[in-house]
Amino acid sequence: MIIQYRYINTMRLFQLTIATIFQRKAWAICMLAVVLLPFALPLISSATEKPNLVQPARILAAWNTLWCCSLLWGLFTAARQGEDNAKSGIGEYFLATGMSASRQLFEIWFAVFCYIAPLTLITAAICQWAATPGDPTERSLWWVLNLQYASLFLLVVAQLMALAIALASRFGSIVGFSISLALALYGLWGVGLLENMLKVEENSILRGIWLYSPQYRFADLTQRLYFKRGALPLPAFWAMALYFFGILAVCAGLSRLFFRTQPSC
């Protein structure tokens, strides 16, 4: 009991952040969107004309809703908490009590992550049980693909949230949210456009930018689910996971470098 009490007592900033986000109630809107839109949107689309298109439409609605909620609400919430921790004096208070800046960054990040993770699991569950293929062969590996998608998605969102928190603590929530969102959009779609440009005309500078850009598009397996291509081969999945773990490590280092527990002068 003493050990448990001490552990809980050391997670005070995490508890405060969890409670603050909960009281703002915006998470409830995201929860409702993730649960209801995958079933509501296919009913008002052209998918109702062909019953075999309802399940693919549900997959698109489910994962696209999750991406929107995580990139908009998730990154904004992370940025806002990072700014509040620095400007409100909470960061200085916890620093005075012996909680390091690294620990504060982790607890804020973990609190926001605890809201994103359930949304991800709900989305994967909807695709698993409400959009399962009829073919027994496809159905047997469906849960593997959903698990792979959820894992890669969380790896990408985790690093972006850490960056949003850190940048917001130093430069403000607008900057933290904008940069992290821009990086996410670039990694999901911008690198693809850049690759198409390089196919048309080779450029060494753009090629270098493309090589060192975060390829977040590899974590978006929506089309693989939509066309029922099956689970990723294990070597390919682990290679992608290690790639995103590497980016996560880089983002963690940069986030700690930018993170502040008090306002910038």
C-alpha atoms as a PDB file:
ATOM      1  CA  MET A   1       0.000   0.000   0.000  1.00  0.00           C
ATOM      2  CA  ILE A   2       2.845   2.391   0.813  1.00  0.00           C
ATOM      3  CA  ILE A   3       4.529   1.659  -2.514  1.00  0.00           C
ATOM      4  CA  GLN A   4       1.241   2.142  -4.361  1.00  0.00           C
ATOM      5  CA  TYR A   5       0.605   5.451  -2.567  1.00  0.00           C
ATOM      6  CA  ARG A   6       4.078   6.728  -3.393  1.00  0.00           C
ATOM      7  CA  TYR A   7       3.648   5.757  -7.049  1.00  0.00           C
ATOM      8  CA  ILE A   8       0.310   7.553  -7.307  1.00  0.00           C
ATOM      9  CA  ASN A   9       1.759  10.555  -5.478  1.00  0.00           C
ATOM     10  CA  THR A  10       4.574  10.818  -8.044  1.00  0.00           C
ATOM     11  CA  MET A  11       2.030  10.974 -10.891  1.00  0.00           C
ATOM     12  CA  ARG A  12       0.407  14.195  -9.675  1.00  0.00           C
ATOM     13  CA  LEU A  13       0.908  16.131 -12.895  1.00  0.00           C
ATOM     14  CA  PHE A  14      -0.491  13.207 -14.882  1.00  0.00           C
ATOM     15  CA  GLN A  15      -3.590  13.145 -12.672  1.00  0.00           C
ATOM     16  CA  LEU A  16      -3.990  16.920 -12.930  1.00  0.00           C
ATOM     17  CA  THR A  17      -3.699  16.837 -16.723  1.00  0.00           C
ATOM     18  CA  ILE A  18      -6.138  13.924 -17.019  1.00  0.00           C
ATOM     19  CA  ALA A  19      -8.668  15.764 -14.844  1.00  0.00           C
ATOM     20  CA  THR A  20      -8.234  19.044 -16.746  1.00  0.00           C
ATOM     21  CA  ILE A  21      -8.842  17.396 -20.118  1.00  0.00           C
ATOM     22  CA  PHE A  22     -11.809  15.485 -18.715  1.00  0.00           C
ATOM     23  CA  GLN A  23     -13.473  18.634 -17.395  1.00  0.00           C
ATOM     24  CA  ARG A  24     -13.238  20.361 -20.776  1.00  0.00           C
ATOM     25  CA  LYS A  25     -15.507  17.639 -22.261  1.00  0.00           C
ATOM     26  CA  ALA A  26     -14.125  17.952 -25.817  1.00  0.00           C
ATOM     27  CA  TRP A  27     -12.955  14.338 -25.585  1.00  0.00           C
ATOM     28  CA  ALA A  28     -16.624  13.279 -25.391  1.00  0.00           C
ATOM     29  CA  ILE A  29     -17.297  14.792 -28.825  1.00  0.00           C
ATOM     30  CA  CYS A  30     -14.386  12.817 -30.266  1.00  0.00           C
ATOM     31  CA  MET A  31     -15.625   9.666 -28.558  1.00  0.00           C
ATOM     32  CA  LEU A  32     -19.107  10.089 -30.037  1.00  0.00           C
ATOM     33  CA  ALA A  33     -17.648  10.818 -33.474  1.00  0.00           C
ATOM     34  CA  VAL A  34     -15.444   7.722 -33.412  1.00  0.00           C
ATOM     35  CA  VAL A  35     -18.326   5.503 -32.264  1.00  0.00           C
ATOM     36  CA  LEU A  36     -21.199   6.899 -34.348  1.00  0.00           C
ATOM     37  CA  LEU A  37     -19.779   8.245 -37.620  1.00  0.00           C
ATOM     38  CA  PRO A  38     -18.570   4.852 -38.944  1.00  0.00           C
ATOM     39  CA  PHE A  39     -22.198   3.712 -38.843  1.00  0.00           C
ATOM     40  CA  ALA A  40     -23.897   7.000 -39.760  1.00  0.00           C
ATOM     41  CA  LEU A  41     -21.791   8.181 -42.705  1.00  0.00           C
ATOM     42  CA  PRO A  42     -22.228   5.031 -44.866  1.00  0.00           C
ATOM     43  CA  LEU A  43     -26.005   5.398 -44.506  1.00  0.00           C
ATOM     44  CA  ILE A  44     -25.991   8.835 -46.134  1.00  0.00           C
ATOM     45  CA  SER A  45     -23.521   7.911 -48.873  1.00  0.00           C
ATOM     46  CA  SER A  46     -23.850   6.074 -52.157  1.00  0.00           C
ATOM     47  CA  ALA A  47     -22.639   2.895 -50.437  1.00  0.00           C
ATOM     48  CA  THR A  48     -26.243   2.074 -49.482  1.00  0.00           C
ATOM     49  CA  GLU A  49     -27.016   1.396 -53.165  1.00  0.00           C
ATOM     50  CA  LYS A  50     -24.721  -1.635 -53.047  1.00  0.00           C
ATOM     51  CA  PRO A  51     -24.697  -3.596 -49.768  1.00  0.00           C
ATOM     52  CA  ASN A  52     -21.192  -4.942 -50.436  1.00  0.00           C
ATOM     53  CA  LEU A  53     -19.844  -1.371 -50.266  1.00  0.00           C
ATOM     54  CA  VAL A  54     -21.178  -0.634 -46.783  1.00  0.00           C
ATOM     55  CA  GLN A  55     -18.339  -2.355 -44.935  1.00  0.00           C
ATOM     56  CA  PRO A  56     -15.547  -0.653 -46.957  1.00  0.00           C
ATOM     57  CA  ALA A  57     -17.290   2.691 -46.436  1.00  0.00           C
ATOM     58  CA  ARG A  58     -17.420   1.967 -42.710  1.00  0.00           C
ATOM     59  CA  ILE A  59     -13.673   1.308 -42.699  1.00  0.00           C
ATOM     60  CA  LEU A  60     -12.975   4.624 -44.414  1.00  0.00           C
ATOM     61  CA  ALA A  61     -15.283   6.487 -42.052  1.00  0.00           C
ATOM     62  CA  ALA A  62     -13.831   4.839 -38.938  1.00  0.00           C
ATOM     63  CA  TRP A  63     -10.146   5.449 -39.576  1.00  0.00           C
ATOM     64  CA  ASN A  64     -10.532   8.845 -41.222  1.00  0.00           C
ATOM     65  CA  THR A  65     -12.570  10.002 -38.217  1.00  0.00           C
ATOM     66  CA  LEU A  66      -9.840   8.784 -35.898  1.00  0.00           C
ATOM     67  CA  TRP A  67      -7.124  10.555 -37.904  1.00  0.00           C
ATOM     68  CA  CYS A  68      -9.113  13.807 -37.850  1.00  0.00           C
ATOM     69  CA  CYS A  69      -9.841  13.621 -34.114  1.00  0.00           C
ATOM     70  CA  SER A  70      -6.251  12.759 -33.234  1.00  0.00           C
ATOM     71  CA  LEU A  71      -4.579  15.338 -35.476  1.00  0.00           C
ATOM     72  CA  LEU A  72      -6.993  18.160 -34.649  1.00  0.00           C
ATOM     73  CA  TRP A  73      -8.225  17.598 -31.115  1.00  0.00           C
ATOM     74  CA  GLY A  74      -5.317  15.447 -29.918  1.00  0.00           C
ATOM     75  CA  LEU A  75      -2.516  17.738 -31.080  1.00  0.00           C
ATOM     76  CA  PHE A  76      -4.402  20.873 -30.013  1.00  0.00           C
ATOM     77  CA  THR A  77      -5.000  19.437 -26.543  1.00  0.00           C
ATOM     78  CA  ALA A  78      -1.353  18.405 -26.235  1.00  0.00           C
ATOM     79  CA  ALA A  79      -0.205  21.879 -27.283  1.00  0.00           C
ATOM     80  CA  ARG A  80      -2.625  23.580 -24.904  1.00  0.00           C
ATOM     81  CA  GLN A  81      -1.484  21.477 -21.957  1.00  0.00           C
ATOM     82  CA  GLY A  82       2.149  22.191 -22.756  1.00  0.00           C
ATOM     83  CA  GLU A  83       1.510  25.926 -22.848  1.00  0.00           C
ATOM     84  CA  ASP A  84      -0.607  25.892 -19.679  1.00  0.00           C
ATOM     85  CA  ASN A  85       2.070  23.972 -17.790  1.00  0.00           C
ATOM     86  CA  ALA A  86       4.646  26.644 -18.607  1.00  0.00           C
ATOM     87  CA  LYS A  87       2.549  29.805 -18.327  1.00  0.00           C
ATOM     88  CA  SER A  88       0.355  28.984 -15.338  1.00  0.00           C
ATOM     89  CA  GLY A  89       3.253  28.312 -12.978  1.00  0.00           C
ATOM     90  CA  ILE A  90       2.386  24.617 -12.616  1.00  0.00           C
ATOM     91  CA  GLY A  91       5.662  23.611 -14.233  1.00  0.00           C
ATOM     92  CA  GLU A  92       7.707  25.761 -11.857  1.00  0.00           C
ATOM     93  CA  TYR A  93       5.775  24.411  -8.884  1.00  0.00           C
ATOM     94  CA  PHE A  94       6.399  20.773  -9.779  1.00  0.00           C
ATOM     95  CA  LEU A  95      10.025  21.583 -10.594  1.00  0.00           C
ATOM     96  CA  ALA A  96      10.389  23.034  -7.093  1.00  0.00           C
ATOM     97  CA  THR A  97       8.937  19.846  -5.607  1.00  0.00           C
ATOM     98  CA  GLY A  98      11.619  17.788  -7.324  1.00  0.00           C
ATOM     99  CA  MET A  99       9.843  16.703 -10.507  1.00  0.00           C
ATOM    100  CA  SER A 100      12.254  17.098 -13.413  1.00  0.00           C
ATOM    101  CA  ALA A 101      11.335  18.717 -16.705  1.00  0.00           C
ATOM    102  CA  SER A 102      11.671  15.351 -18.451  1.00  0.00           C
ATOM    103  CA  ARG A 103       9.211  13.804 -16.020  1.00  0.00           C
ATOM    104  CA  GLN A 104       6.767  16.653 -16.527  1.00  0.00           C
ATOM    105  CA  LEU A 105       6.935  16.250 -20.305  1.00  0.00           C
ATOM    106  CA  PHE A 106       6.318  12.514 -19.973  1.00  0.00           C
ATOM    107  CA  GLU A 107       3.346  12.878 -17.610  1.00  0.00           C
ATOM    108  CA  ILE A 108       1.629  15.496 -19.790  1.00  0.00           C
ATOM    109  CA  TRP A 109       2.227  13.354 -22.865  1.00  0.00           C
ATOM    110  CA  PHE A 110       0.993  10.201 -21.135  1.00  0.00           C
ATOM    111  CA  ALA A 111      -2.186  11.940 -19.976  1.00  0.00           C
ATOM    112  CA  VAL A 112      -3.100  13.002 -23.525  1.00  0.00           C
ATOM    113  CA  PHE A 113      -2.078   9.585 -24.863  1.00  0.00           C
ATOM    114  CA  CYS A 114      -4.515   7.947 -22.443  1.00  0.00           C
ATOM    115  CA  TYR A 115      -7.350   9.666 -24.322  1.00  0.00           C
ATOM    116  CA  ILE A 116      -6.072   8.815 -27.810  1.00  0.00           C
ATOM    117  CA  ALA A 117      -5.359   5.139 -27.121  1.00  0.00           C
ATOM    118  CA  PRO A 118      -8.991   4.188 -26.280  1.00  0.00           C
ATOM    119  CA  LEU A 119     -10.217   5.977 -29.417  1.00  0.00           C
ATOM    120  CA  THR A 120      -7.763   3.897 -31.429  1.00  0.00           C
ATOM    121  CA  LEU A 121      -8.890   0.647 -29.802  1.00  0.00           C
ATOM    122  CA  ILE A 122     -12.545   1.520 -30.428  1.00  0.00           C
ATOM    123  CA  THR A 123     -11.807   2.195 -34.105  1.00  0.00           C
ATOM    124  CA  ALA A 124      -9.924  -1.094 -34.466  1.00  0.00           C
ATOM    125  CA  ALA A 125     -12.766  -2.921 -32.713  1.00  0.00           C
ATOM    126  CA  ILE A 126     -15.373  -1.406 -35.061  1.00  0.00           C
ATOM    127  CA  CYS A 127     -13.370  -2.537 -38.088  1.00  0.00           C
ATOM    128  CA  GLN A 128     -12.842  -5.947 -36.533  1.00  0.00           C
ATOM    129  CA  TRP A 129     -16.465  -6.750 -35.735  1.00  0.00           C
ATOM    130  CA  ALA A 130     -18.529  -4.413 -37.914  1.00  0.00           C
ATOM    131  CA  ALA A 131     -16.493  -4.608 -41.126  1.00  0.00           C
ATOM    132  CA  THR A 132     -15.147  -8.164 -41.097  1.00  0.00           C
ATOM    133  CA  PRO A 133     -14.756  -9.760 -44.554  1.00  0.00           C
ATOM    134  CA  GLY A 134     -17.086 -12.598 -45.407  1.00  0.00           C
ATOM    135  CA  ASP A 135     -14.319 -14.764 -46.841  1.00  0.00           C
ATOM    136  CA  PRO A 136     -12.932 -17.113 -44.129  1.00  0.00           C
ATOM    137  CA  THR A 137      -9.358 -16.728 -45.381  1.00  0.00           C
ATOM    138  CA  GLU A 138      -9.499 -12.933 -45.241  1.00  0.00           C
ATOM    139  CA  ARG A 139     -11.296 -13.024 -41.901  1.00  0.00           C
ATOM    140  CA  SER A 140      -8.582 -15.126 -40.246  1.00  0.00           C
ATOM    141  CA  LEU A 141      -5.946 -12.393 -40.696  1.00  0.00           C
ATOM    142  CA  TRP A 142      -8.270  -9.421 -40.284  1.00  0.00           C
ATOM    143  CA  TRP A 143      -7.492  -8.952 -36.589  1.00  0.00           C
ATOM    144  CA  VAL A 144      -3.757  -8.982 -37.359  1.00  0.00           C
ATOM    145  CA  LEU A 145      -4.107  -6.139 -39.850  1.00  0.00           C
ATOM    146  CA  ASN A 146      -6.242  -4.119 -37.412  1.00  0.00           C
ATOM    147  CA  LEU A 147      -3.647  -4.633 -34.683  1.00  0.00           C
ATOM    148  CA  GLN A 148      -0.830  -3.615 -37.018  1.00  0.00           C
ATOM    149  CA  TYR A 149      -2.682  -0.482 -38.069  1.00  0.00           C
ATOM    150  CA  ALA A 150      -3.479   0.505 -34.474  1.00  0.00           C
ATOM    151  CA  SER A 151       0.152  -0.013 -33.418  1.00  0.00           C
ATOM    152  CA  LEU A 152       1.631   2.065 -36.247  1.00  0.00           C
ATOM    153  CA  PHE A 153      -0.994   4.760 -35.771  1.00  0.00           C
ATOM    154  CA  LEU A 154      -0.182   5.133 -32.068  1.00  0.00           C
ATOM    155  CA  LEU A 155       3.548   5.299 -32.805  1.00  0.00           C
ATOM    156  CA  VAL A 156       2.994   8.197 -35.204  1.00  0.00           C
ATOM    157  CA  VAL A 157       0.560  10.136 -33.018  1.00  0.00           C
ATOM    158  CA  ALA A 158       2.712   9.647 -29.907  1.00  0.00           C
ATOM    159  CA  GLN A 159       5.704  11.438 -31.390  1.00  0.00           C
ATOM    160  CA  LEU A 160       3.612  14.273 -32.793  1.00  0.00           C
ATOM    161  CA  MET A 161       1.959  14.866 -29.409  1.00  0.00           C
ATOM    162  CA  ALA A 162       5.315  15.064 -27.654  1.00  0.00           C
ATOM    163  CA  LEU A 163       6.501  17.613 -30.198  1.00  0.00           C
ATOM    164  CA  ALA A 164       3.298  19.654 -29.843  1.00  0.00           C
ATOM    165  CA  ILE A 165       3.659  19.776 -26.045  1.00  0.00           C
ATOM    166  CA  ALA A 166       7.302  20.817 -26.149  1.00  0.00           C
ATOM    167  CA  LEU A 167       6.956  23.478 -28.842  1.00  0.00           C
ATOM    168  CA  ALA A 168       3.871  24.936 -27.157  1.00  0.00           C
ATOM    169  CA  SER A 169       5.661  25.216 -23.816  1.00  0.00           C
ATOM    170  CA  ARG A 170       8.309  27.407 -25.448  1.00  0.00           C
ATOM    171  CA  PHE A 171       6.528  29.220 -28.284  1.00  0.00           C
ATOM    172  CA  GLY A 172       2.827  28.975 -27.415  1.00  0.00           C
ATOM    173  CA  SER A 173      -0.002  26.586 -28.235  1.00  0.00           C
ATOM    174  CA  ILE A 174      -0.683  28.013 -31.708  1.00  0.00           C
ATOM    175  CA  VAL A 175       2.902  27.390 -32.812  1.00  0.00           C
ATOM    176  CA  GLY A 176       3.038  23.961 -31.179  1.00  0.00           C
ATOM    177  CA  PHE A 177      -0.224  22.851 -32.755  1.00  0.00           C
ATOM    178  CA  SER A 178       0.491  24.339 -36.177  1.00  0.00           C
ATOM    179  CA  ILE A 179       3.978  22.866 -36.560  1.00  0.00           C
ATOM    180  CA  SER A 180       3.009  19.398 -35.344  1.00  0.00           C
ATOM    181  CA  LEU A 181      -0.092  19.371 -37.564  1.00  0.00           C
ATOM    182  CA  ALA A 182       1.891  20.601 -40.574  1.00  0.00           C
ATOM    183  CA  LEU A 183       4.500  17.886 -39.977  1.00  0.00           C
ATOM    184  CA  ALA A 184       1.749  15.259 -39.772  1.00  0.00           C
ATOM    185  CA  LEU A 185       0.084  16.416 -42.991  1.00  0.00           C
ATOM    186  CA  TYR A 186       3.443  16.586 -44.752  1.00  0.00           C
ATOM    187  CA  GLY A 187       4.357  13.073 -43.607  1.00  0.00           C
ATOM    188  CA  LEU A 188       0.974  11.669 -44.649  1.00  0.00           C
ATOM    189  CA  TRP A 189       0.488  13.384 -48.006  1.00  0.00           C
ATOM    190  CA  GLY A 190       3.247  15.910 -48.691  1.00  0.00           C
ATOM    191  CA  VAL A 191       6.016  13.342 -49.111  1.00  0.00           C
ATOM    192  CA  GLY A 192       3.885  11.533 -51.689  1.00  0.00           C
ATOM    193  CA  LEU A 193       3.508  14.710 -53.710  1.00  0.00           C
ATOM    194  CA  LEU A 194       7.238  15.341 -53.414  1.00  0.00           C
ATOM    195  CA  GLU A 195       7.947  11.810 -54.641  1.00  0.00           C
ATOM    196  CA  ASN A 196       5.719  12.365 -57.685  1.00  0.00           C
ATOM    197  CA  MET A 197       7.598  15.573 -58.459  1.00  0.00           C
ATOM    198  CA  LEU A 198      10.901  13.674 -58.337  1.00  0.00           C
ATOM    199  CA  LYS A 199       9.543  11.090 -60.761  1.00  0.00           C
ATOM    200  CA  VAL A 200       8.871  13.850 -63.260  1.00  0.00           C
ATOM    201  CA  GLU A 201      12.125  15.760 -62.741  1.00  0.00           C
ATOM    202  CA  GLU A 202      15.072  14.685 -60.620  1.00  0.00           C
ATOM    203  CA  ASN A 203      16.462  17.229 -58.140  1.00  0.00           C
ATOM    204  CA  SER A 204      19.247  16.381 -55.693  1.00  0.00           C
ATOM    205  CA  ILE A 205      18.094  18.886 -53.061  1.00  0.00           C
ATOM    206  CA  LEU A 206      14.494  17.710 -53.136  1.00  0.00           C
ATOM    207  CA  ARG A 207      15.701  14.114 -53.142  1.00  0.00           C
ATOM    208  CA  GLY A 208      17.652  14.768 -49.954  1.00  0.00           C
ATOM    209  CA  ILE A 209      14.615  16.395 -48.330  1.00  0.00           C
ATOM    210  CA  TRP A 210      12.469  13.425 -49.356  1.00  0.00           C
ATOM    211  CA  LEU A 211      14.943  10.884 -47.970  1.00  0.00           C
ATOM    212  CA  TYR A 212      15.045  12.524 -44.542  1.00  0.00           C
ATOM    213  CA  SER A 213      11.323  13.289 -44.368  1.00  0.00           C
ATOM    214  CA  PRO A 214       9.112  11.331 -41.935  1.00  0.00           C
ATOM    215  CA  GLN A 215       7.162   8.848 -44.048  1.00  0.00           C
ATOM    216  CA  TYR A 216       4.009   8.826 -41.934  1.00  0.00           C
ATOM    217  CA  ARG A 217       2.029   7.619 -44.955  1.00  0.00           C
ATOM    218  CA  PHE A 218       3.398   4.125 -44.300  1.00  0.00           C
ATOM    219  CA  ALA A 219       1.374   4.061 -41.076  1.00  0.00           C
ATOM    220  CA  ASP A 220      -1.875   4.750 -42.927  1.00  0.00           C
ATOM    221  CA  LEU A 221      -3.186   1.271 -43.764  1.00  0.00           C
ATOM    222  CA  THR A 222      -6.727   2.424 -44.551  1.00  0.00           C
ATOM    223  CA  GLN A 223      -6.466   1.483 -48.220  1.00  0.00           C
ATOM    224  CA  ARG A 224      -5.077  -1.918 -47.281  1.00  0.00           C
ATOM    225  CA  LEU A 225      -8.135  -2.520 -45.130  1.00  0.00           C
ATOM    226  CA  TYR A 226     -10.470  -1.084 -47.757  1.00  0.00           C
ATOM    227  CA  PHE A 227      -9.220  -3.384 -50.531  1.00  0.00           C
ATOM    228  CA  LYS A 228      -8.759  -6.358 -48.151  1.00  0.00           C
ATOM    229  CA  ARG A 229      -5.131  -6.921 -49.050  1.00  0.00           C
ATOM    230  CA  GLY A 230      -4.439  -8.843 -45.866  1.00  0.00           C
ATOM    231  CA  ALA A 231      -2.004  -8.291 -43.045  1.00  0.00           C
ATOM    232  CA  LEU A 232       1.460  -6.898 -43.626  1.00  0.00           C
ATOM    233  CA  PRO A 233       4.217  -9.531 -43.764  1.00  0.00           C
ATOM    234  CA  LEU A 234       5.925  -9.642 -40.379  1.00  0.00           C
ATOM    235  CA  PRO A 235       9.367  -8.515 -41.673  1.00  0.00           C
ATOM    236  CA  ALA A 236       7.758  -5.490 -43.335  1.00  0.00           C
ATOM    237  CA  PHE A 237       5.711  -4.642 -40.251  1.00  0.00           C
ATOM    238  CA  TRP A 238       8.669  -4.848 -37.879  1.00  0.00           C
ATOM    239  CA  ALA A 239      10.794  -2.785 -40.260  1.00  0.00           C
ATOM    240  CA  MET A 240       8.094  -0.088 -40.278  1.00  0.00           C
ATOM    241  CA  ALA A 241       7.731  -0.299 -36.497  1.00  0.00           C
ATOM    242  CA  LEU A 242      11.488   0.120 -35.999  1.00  0.00           C
ATOM    243  CA  TYR A 243      11.470   3.039 -38.442  1.00  0.00           C
ATOM    244  CA  PHE A 244       8.763   4.827 -36.461  1.00  0.00           C
ATOM    245  CA  PHE A 245      10.465   3.975 -33.162  1.00  0.00           C
ATOM    246  CA  GLY A 246      13.559   5.680 -34.544  1.00  0.00           C
ATOM    247  CA  ILE A 247      11.571   8.795 -35.433  1.00  0.00           C
ATOM    248  CA  LEU A 248       9.956   8.618 -31.996  1.00  0.00           C
ATOM    249  CA  ALA A 249      13.397   8.646 -30.377  1.00  0.00           C
ATOM    250  CA  VAL A 250      14.421  11.681 -32.445  1.00  0.00           C
ATOM    251  CA  CYS A 251      11.180  13.501 -31.607  1.00  0.00           C
ATOM    252  CA  ALA A 252      11.603  12.640 -27.925  1.00  0.00           C
ATOM    253  CA  GLY A 253      15.084  14.179 -27.934  1.00  0.00           C
ATOM    254  CA  LEU A 254      13.924  17.301 -29.749  1.00  0.00           C
ATOM    255  CA  SER A 255      10.895  17.586 -27.477  1.00  0.00           C
ATOM    256  CA  ARG A 256      13.057  17.481 -24.372  1.00  0.00           C
ATOM    257  CA  LEU A 257      15.322  20.108 -25.907  1.00  0.00           C
ATOM    258  CA  PHE A 258      12.416  22.499 -26.580  1.00  0.00           C
ATOM    259  CA  PHE A 259      10.350  21.756 -23.474  1.00  0.00           C
ATOM    260  CA  ARG A 260      10.208  24.446 -20.792  1.00  0.00           C
ATOM    261  CA  THR A 261       8.597  24.507 -17.385  1.00  0.00           C
ATOM    262  CA  GLN A 262       8.313  28.289 -17.307  1.00  0.00           C
ATOM    263  CA  PRO A 263       7.459  30.992 -19.875  1.00  0.00           C
ATOM    264  CA  SER A 264      10.150  32.129 -22.270  1.00  0.00           C
ATOM    265  CA  CYS A 265      11.411  35.607 -21.481  1.00  0.00           C
END
